[in-house]
Amino acid sequence: MKYLQTDRKVWSFVISAPNSNSFIGMGFSKDGKMVGSSAIVGWVSNDGSSTMKRYFLGGESSAEVVPDQGNLQLVNMTSSIIAQNSTIYMAFQLNTQVTPTNRLIYSLGPMGRLPSPVNYQLSQHRAHISTFFDYNSGESKSKSPYGNLRRSHGVLNMLSWGILIPIGVMVARYFRQYDPIWFYSHTTIQSLAFLLGFVGIVCGFVLEDRLSSHVDKHKALGIFILVLACLQVIAFLVRPGKESKVRKYWNWYHYTLGRVLIILAAANIFYGIHLGGAGTAWNVGFAVTLVAFFSISIVLEIRLWMTK
């Protein structure tokens, strides 16, 4: 985005984006959110004709995004939008008594779906970002949409499936001499992990819906992990007595399912960190945690075999 205060009451803006036969938009918001803001949206049709309109973003549905409304005042005959090579450019001037808000929103429409000249209704955007812009320095700081929801999804799943579940397994494996404390500790830890993990996965579903993202592999792994966890809960409820002949087979099932769950959860957490662009620090932090668990398990395993 380029900008210039061309007059005491006039601000000029130019934005560009990859040309993918979609609309581009720039919104001016009071709080960084889409709802309640006003925007300038433009597109170039297949026949080469261009359109630019003001919109009031009254809600998240297309019906609540109203054309020719909002508090932006365009300077007449100064707006244009062109597609050149693989890039689309939109330029406009705003007539404003004060400096425009520094909470800016950019959006890209769905590919191949331009607004109809009948009602100029916008389709749901395929990408958007909210930024804090400093007009003095020209610096822009991006704010990831639904940041709190992203963090909740990541932290809850990492804490539950990636940390608490392995701890619960180690308690059951290496502290059986403290009966029945080990059993109640194992049950409490795994129950807490299941509840936190369930909430974390629900957050993931909500996040996918709001971002209209496509994370099919990550989602499928998450659902499969949840199914394994549910099977573990069912197995706990129907576990046979210690004297039962089928108890050893139940133990094999319970152990195997638990370890498969841990391996898949660890892989999906790393994959989720990659998809979310959380950065190296999260990868390193979780990797160090897993190495610590593995090292502790080796020491406890050696101790277990020595005491047999």
Protein backbone atom coordinates (compact mmCIF):
# COMPACT_ATOMS: atom_id res chain seq x y z
CA MET A 1 0.00 0.00 0.00
CA LYS A 2 1.22 3.50 -0.89
CA TYR A 3 -0.26 6.70 0.49
CA LEU A 4 0.20 10.47 0.35
CA GLN A 5 -1.51 13.47 1.90
CA THR A 6 -1.95 15.47 -1.28
CA ASP A 7 -3.88 18.28 0.36
CA ARG A 8 -4.87 19.33 3.87
CA LYS A 9 -8.15 17.45 3.50
CA VAL A 10 -7.21 14.90 0.84
CA TRP A 11 -5.43 11.57 1.27
CA SER A 12 -4.40 9.42 -1.71
CA PHE A 13 -4.05 5.63 -1.53
CA VAL A 14 -2.80 2.98 -3.96
CA ILE A 15 -3.01 -0.74 -3.20
CA SER A 16 -2.06 -3.73 -5.32
CA ALA A 17 -2.61 -7.49 -5.23
CA PRO A 18 -2.10 -10.53 -7.48
CA ASN A 19 -4.70 -10.48 -10.23
CA SER A 20 -6.83 -13.60 -9.73
CA ASN A 21 -10.11 -12.41 -11.28
CA SER A 22 -11.42 -11.35 -7.87
CA PHE A 23 -12.24 -8.15 -6.06
CA ILE A 24 -9.79 -6.37 -3.78
CA GLY A 25 -10.80 -4.18 -0.89
CA MET A 26 -9.36 -1.79 1.67
CA GLY A 27 -11.34 -1.03 4.82
CA PHE A 28 -11.02 1.68 7.45
CA SER A 29 -11.98 0.44 10.91
CA LYS A 30 -12.20 1.95 14.40
CA ASP A 31 -11.14 -1.22 16.22
CA GLY A 32 -9.44 -3.38 13.60
CA LYS A 33 -12.54 -5.52 13.05
CA MET A 34 -14.50 -5.84 9.84
CA VAL A 35 -17.98 -5.31 11.28
CA GLY A 36 -18.84 -1.64 11.54
CA SER A 37 -16.12 -0.43 9.20
CA SER A 38 -16.30 1.19 5.77
CA ALA A 39 -14.36 0.03 2.72
CA ILE A 40 -13.43 0.77 -0.87
CA VAL A 41 -13.76 -2.30 -3.09
CA GLY A 42 -12.85 -2.67 -6.75
CA TRP A 43 -12.54 -5.26 -9.51
CA VAL A 44 -11.85 -5.62 -13.22
CA SER A 45 -14.32 -7.71 -15.23
CA ASN A 46 -13.35 -10.18 -17.94
CA ASP A 47 -14.38 -7.66 -20.62
CA GLY A 48 -11.88 -5.15 -19.25
CA SER A 49 -14.42 -2.85 -17.60
CA SER A 50 -13.61 -1.73 -14.06
CA THR A 51 -15.79 -0.98 -11.05
CA MET A 52 -15.04 0.63 -7.70
CA LYS A 53 -17.60 1.18 -4.96
CA ARG A 54 -17.95 2.17 -1.33
CA TYR A 55 -19.32 -0.41 1.11
CA PHE A 56 -20.52 -0.40 4.69
CA LEU A 57 -19.54 -3.63 6.41
CA GLY A 58 -22.49 -4.04 8.72
CA GLY A 59 -21.99 -7.73 9.43
CA GLU A 60 -20.20 -10.91 8.41
CA SER A 61 -22.82 -12.11 5.91
CA SER A 62 -22.94 -10.88 2.32
CA ALA A 63 -26.41 -9.39 2.84
CA GLU A 64 -25.04 -7.11 5.59
CA VAL A 65 -22.30 -5.68 3.35
CA VAL A 66 -24.14 -2.74 1.78
CA PRO A 67 -22.89 -0.97 -1.39
CA ASP A 68 -22.82 2.83 -1.71
CA GLN A 69 -22.90 3.23 2.06
CA GLY A 70 -20.36 4.03 4.78
CA ASN A 71 -18.59 7.12 6.05
CA LEU A 72 -15.87 7.36 3.38
CA GLN A 73 -16.01 10.34 1.02
CA LEU A 74 -14.29 9.72 -2.29
CA VAL A 75 -12.94 12.66 -4.25
CA ASN A 76 -14.83 12.71 -7.56
CA MET A 77 -13.08 11.55 -10.73
CA THR A 78 -9.90 10.47 -8.93
CA SER A 79 -10.54 6.74 -8.46
CA SER A 80 -9.32 4.05 -10.80
CA ILE A 81 -8.58 0.34 -10.88
CA ILE A 82 -6.57 -1.48 -13.55
CA ALA A 83 -5.22 -4.96 -14.15
CA GLN A 84 -1.75 -5.04 -15.60
CA ASN A 85 0.03 -8.31 -16.31
CA SER A 86 -0.48 -10.40 -13.18
CA THR A 87 -1.24 -7.54 -10.79
CA ILE A 88 -4.32 -5.47 -10.06
CA TYR A 89 -3.95 -1.87 -8.85
CA MET A 90 -6.58 0.25 -7.12
CA ALA A 91 -6.11 4.01 -6.51
CA PHE A 92 -8.47 6.42 -4.80
CA GLN A 93 -8.56 9.68 -2.84
CA LEU A 94 -10.46 10.34 0.38
CA ASN A 95 -11.79 13.70 1.41
CA THR A 96 -11.45 13.82 5.21
CA GLN A 97 -11.16 16.50 7.86
CA VAL A 98 -8.86 14.36 10.01
CA THR A 99 -6.17 11.73 9.49
CA PRO A 100 -7.77 8.43 8.37
CA THR A 101 -8.00 5.73 11.00
CA ASN A 102 -4.83 3.65 11.39
CA ARG A 103 -6.78 0.41 11.70
CA LEU A 104 -6.78 -0.87 8.12
CA ILE A 105 -8.26 -4.04 6.65
CA TYR A 106 -7.32 -5.65 3.34
CA SER A 107 -9.28 -8.41 1.61
CA LEU A 108 -9.28 -10.54 -1.52
CA GLY A 109 -12.46 -11.99 -2.97
CA PRO A 110 -12.99 -15.57 -4.18
CA MET A 111 -11.32 -16.35 -7.49
CA GLY A 112 -13.60 -16.11 -10.51
CA ARG A 113 -16.57 -14.67 -8.56
CA LEU A 114 -17.03 -10.98 -9.22
CA PRO A 115 -19.96 -8.93 -7.85
CA SER A 116 -23.00 -8.83 -10.10
CA PRO A 117 -24.01 -5.42 -11.53
CA VAL A 118 -27.56 -6.21 -10.42
CA ASN A 119 -26.98 -5.62 -6.71
CA TYR A 120 -23.16 -5.48 -6.38
CA GLN A 121 -23.29 -7.94 -3.48
CA LEU A 122 -19.87 -9.19 -2.38
CA SER A 123 -19.13 -12.87 -1.89
CA GLN A 124 -17.24 -14.09 1.18
CA HIS A 125 -13.59 -13.10 0.89
CA ARG A 126 -10.98 -15.84 0.61
CA ALA A 127 -8.28 -13.93 2.44
CA HIS A 128 -8.11 -10.90 4.69
CA ILE A 129 -5.79 -9.26 7.17
CA SER A 130 -6.10 -6.50 9.75
CA THR A 131 -3.20 -4.10 10.27
CA PHE A 132 -2.17 -1.18 12.45
CA PHE A 133 -0.70 1.52 10.22
CA ASP A 134 1.52 4.42 11.32
CA TYR A 135 1.04 7.32 8.88
CA ASN A 136 4.13 9.09 10.20
CA SER A 137 6.63 6.26 9.74
CA GLY A 138 4.82 4.30 7.03
CA GLU A 139 5.18 1.10 9.08
CA SER A 140 2.42 -1.47 9.22
CA LYS A 141 1.93 -4.16 11.85
CA SER A 142 -0.24 -7.08 10.89
CA LYS A 143 -2.76 -8.53 13.27
CA SER A 144 -3.65 -12.12 12.59
CA PRO A 145 -7.44 -12.61 12.44
CA TYR A 146 -8.91 -14.53 15.37
CA GLY A 147 -5.54 -14.55 17.14
CA ASN A 148 -7.01 -15.52 20.52
CA LEU A 149 -8.92 -18.40 18.97
CA ARG A 150 -5.76 -19.60 17.19
CA ARG A 151 -3.79 -19.52 20.42
CA SER A 152 -6.53 -21.33 22.33
CA HIS A 153 -6.68 -24.07 19.71
CA GLY A 154 -2.92 -24.54 19.66
CA VAL A 155 -2.23 -24.28 23.39
CA LEU A 156 -5.12 -26.52 24.45
CA ASN A 157 -4.21 -29.28 22.00
CA MET A 158 -0.51 -29.11 22.80
CA LEU A 159 -1.18 -29.17 26.54
CA SER A 160 -3.70 -32.01 26.38
CA TRP A 161 -2.58 -34.44 23.67
CA GLY A 162 1.09 -33.46 23.63
CA ILE A 163 1.91 -33.04 27.33
CA LEU A 164 -0.74 -34.34 29.75
CA ILE A 165 -1.44 -37.60 27.90
CA PRO A 166 2.26 -38.68 27.91
CA ILE A 167 2.53 -37.74 31.60
CA GLY A 168 -0.52 -39.86 32.38
CA VAL A 169 0.99 -42.79 30.49
CA MET A 170 4.27 -42.50 32.41
CA VAL A 171 2.40 -42.45 35.72
CA ALA A 172 0.59 -45.68 34.80
CA ARG A 173 3.76 -47.32 33.52
CA TYR A 174 6.33 -46.44 36.16
CA PHE A 175 4.54 -45.71 39.44
CA ARG A 176 2.35 -48.77 39.98
CA GLN A 177 4.07 -49.46 43.29
CA TYR A 178 2.10 -46.54 44.72
CA ASP A 179 -1.25 -48.28 44.52
CA PRO A 180 -3.98 -46.94 44.34
CA ILE A 181 -2.50 -43.43 44.01
CA TRP A 182 -1.07 -44.20 40.55
CA PHE A 183 -4.52 -45.27 39.30
CA TYR A 184 -6.36 -42.19 40.49
CA SER A 185 -3.55 -39.94 39.26
CA HIS A 186 -3.57 -41.62 35.84
CA THR A 187 -7.35 -41.37 35.57
CA THR A 188 -7.44 -37.72 36.67
CA ILE A 189 -4.66 -36.63 34.31
CA GLN A 190 -6.11 -38.43 31.29
CA SER A 191 -9.64 -37.17 32.01
CA LEU A 192 -8.38 -33.59 32.22
CA ALA A 193 -6.38 -34.07 29.02
CA PHE A 194 -9.45 -35.44 27.23
CA LEU A 195 -11.62 -32.48 28.28
CA LEU A 196 -8.99 -29.89 27.32
CA GLY A 197 -8.30 -31.68 24.05
CA PHE A 198 -12.00 -31.82 23.21
CA VAL A 199 -12.33 -28.06 23.77
CA GLY A 200 -9.18 -27.50 21.69
CA ILE A 201 -10.59 -29.47 18.77
CA VAL A 202 -13.89 -27.58 18.98
CA CYS A 203 -11.87 -24.35 18.80
CA GLY A 204 -10.26 -25.77 15.66
CA PHE A 205 -13.64 -26.38 14.02
CA VAL A 206 -14.77 -22.83 14.84
CA LEU A 207 -11.49 -21.40 13.54
CA GLU A 208 -11.75 -23.35 10.28
CA ASP A 209 -15.29 -22.07 9.75
CA ARG A 210 -14.43 -18.43 10.43
CA LEU A 211 -11.28 -18.42 8.32
CA SER A 212 -12.80 -20.60 5.57
CA SER A 213 -9.46 -22.40 5.57
CA HIS A 214 -8.64 -25.75 3.98
CA VAL A 215 -6.68 -27.91 6.44
CA ASP A 216 -8.15 -31.29 5.59
CA LYS A 217 -5.16 -33.41 6.68
CA HIS A 218 -4.76 -31.58 9.98
CA LYS A 219 -8.51 -31.78 10.59
CA ALA A 220 -8.71 -35.49 9.71
CA LEU A 221 -5.82 -36.33 12.05
CA GLY A 222 -7.44 -34.31 14.82
CA ILE A 223 -10.75 -36.14 14.42
CA PHE A 224 -8.98 -39.52 14.35
CA ILE A 225 -7.08 -38.65 17.54
CA LEU A 226 -10.36 -37.66 19.21
CA VAL A 227 -11.92 -40.98 18.12
CA LEU A 228 -8.97 -42.88 19.64
CA ALA A 229 -9.41 -40.92 22.85
CA CYS A 230 -13.13 -41.76 22.94
CA LEU A 231 -12.27 -45.44 22.45
CA GLN A 232 -9.92 -45.20 25.41
CA VAL A 233 -12.70 -43.73 27.55
CA ILE A 234 -15.05 -46.52 26.50
CA ALA A 235 -12.36 -49.11 27.21
CA PHE A 236 -11.89 -47.68 30.70
CA LEU A 237 -15.62 -47.91 31.41
CA VAL A 238 -15.87 -51.57 30.30
CA ARG A 239 -12.47 -52.81 31.55
CA PRO A 240 -12.61 -56.39 32.87
CA GLY A 241 -11.52 -57.33 36.39
CA LYS A 242 -7.90 -58.18 37.18
CA GLU A 243 -8.75 -61.88 37.51
CA SER A 244 -10.54 -62.02 34.12
CA LYS A 245 -8.94 -64.13 31.38
CA VAL A 246 -9.39 -61.34 28.84
CA ARG A 247 -7.70 -58.71 31.03
CA LYS A 248 -4.32 -59.18 29.33
CA TYR A 249 -5.88 -58.62 25.90
CA TRP A 250 -7.58 -55.49 27.22
CA ASN A 251 -4.19 -54.29 28.51
CA TRP A 252 -2.59 -54.83 25.10
CA TYR A 253 -5.41 -52.92 23.45
CA HIS A 254 -5.26 -50.08 25.99
CA TYR A 255 -1.45 -49.73 25.80
CA THR A 256 -1.27 -49.93 22.00
CA LEU A 257 -4.09 -47.44 21.41
CA GLY A 258 -2.58 -44.99 23.88
CA ARG A 259 0.84 -45.05 22.24
CA VAL A 260 -0.59 -44.68 18.75
CA LEU A 261 -2.57 -41.68 20.00
CA ILE A 262 0.57 -40.04 21.42
CA ILE A 263 2.57 -40.52 18.21
CA LEU A 264 -0.21 -39.17 15.97
CA ALA A 265 -0.88 -36.27 18.34
CA ALA A 266 2.79 -35.24 18.34
CA ALA A 267 2.90 -35.36 14.53
CA ASN A 268 -0.31 -33.34 14.21
CA ILE A 269 0.89 -30.73 16.70
CA PHE A 270 4.04 -30.15 14.66
CA TYR A 271 1.90 -30.01 11.51
CA GLY A 272 -0.44 -27.51 13.17
CA ILE A 273 2.50 -25.31 14.17
CA HIS A 274 3.59 -25.35 10.52
CA LEU A 275 0.10 -24.50 9.21
CA GLY A 276 -0.34 -21.69 11.70
CA GLY A 277 3.06 -20.19 10.95
CA ALA A 278 3.74 -20.06 14.70
CA GLY A 279 7.49 -20.00 14.15
CA THR A 280 10.60 -21.88 15.20
CA ALA A 281 10.18 -21.17 18.91
CA TRP A 282 7.05 -23.31 19.15
CA ASN A 283 8.66 -26.16 17.23
CA VAL A 284 11.77 -26.06 19.40
CA GLY A 285 9.77 -25.77 22.63
CA PHE A 286 7.56 -28.77 21.86
CA ALA A 287 10.52 -30.80 20.54
CA VAL A 288 12.48 -30.13 23.77
CA THR A 289 9.44 -31.24 25.79
CA LEU A 290 9.20 -34.52 23.85
CA VAL A 291 12.95 -35.16 24.21
CA ALA A 292 12.64 -34.55 27.97
CA PHE A 293 9.74 -37.01 28.22
CA PHE A 294 11.68 -39.59 26.19
CA SER A 295 14.81 -39.19 28.33
CA ILE A 296 12.84 -39.50 31.57
CA SER A 297 11.05 -42.58 30.20
CA ILE A 298 14.37 -44.27 29.39
CA VAL A 299 15.66 -43.70 32.92
CA LEU A 300 12.42 -44.93 34.48
CA GLU A 301 12.29 -47.93 32.12
CA ILE A 302 15.82 -48.98 33.12
CA ARG A 303 14.88 -48.58 36.78
CA LEU A 304 11.72 -50.65 36.23
CA TRP A 305 13.64 -53.53 34.64
CA MET A 306 16.29 -53.46 37.35
CA THR A 307 13.68 -53.84 40.09
CA LYS A 308 11.96 -56.82 38.46
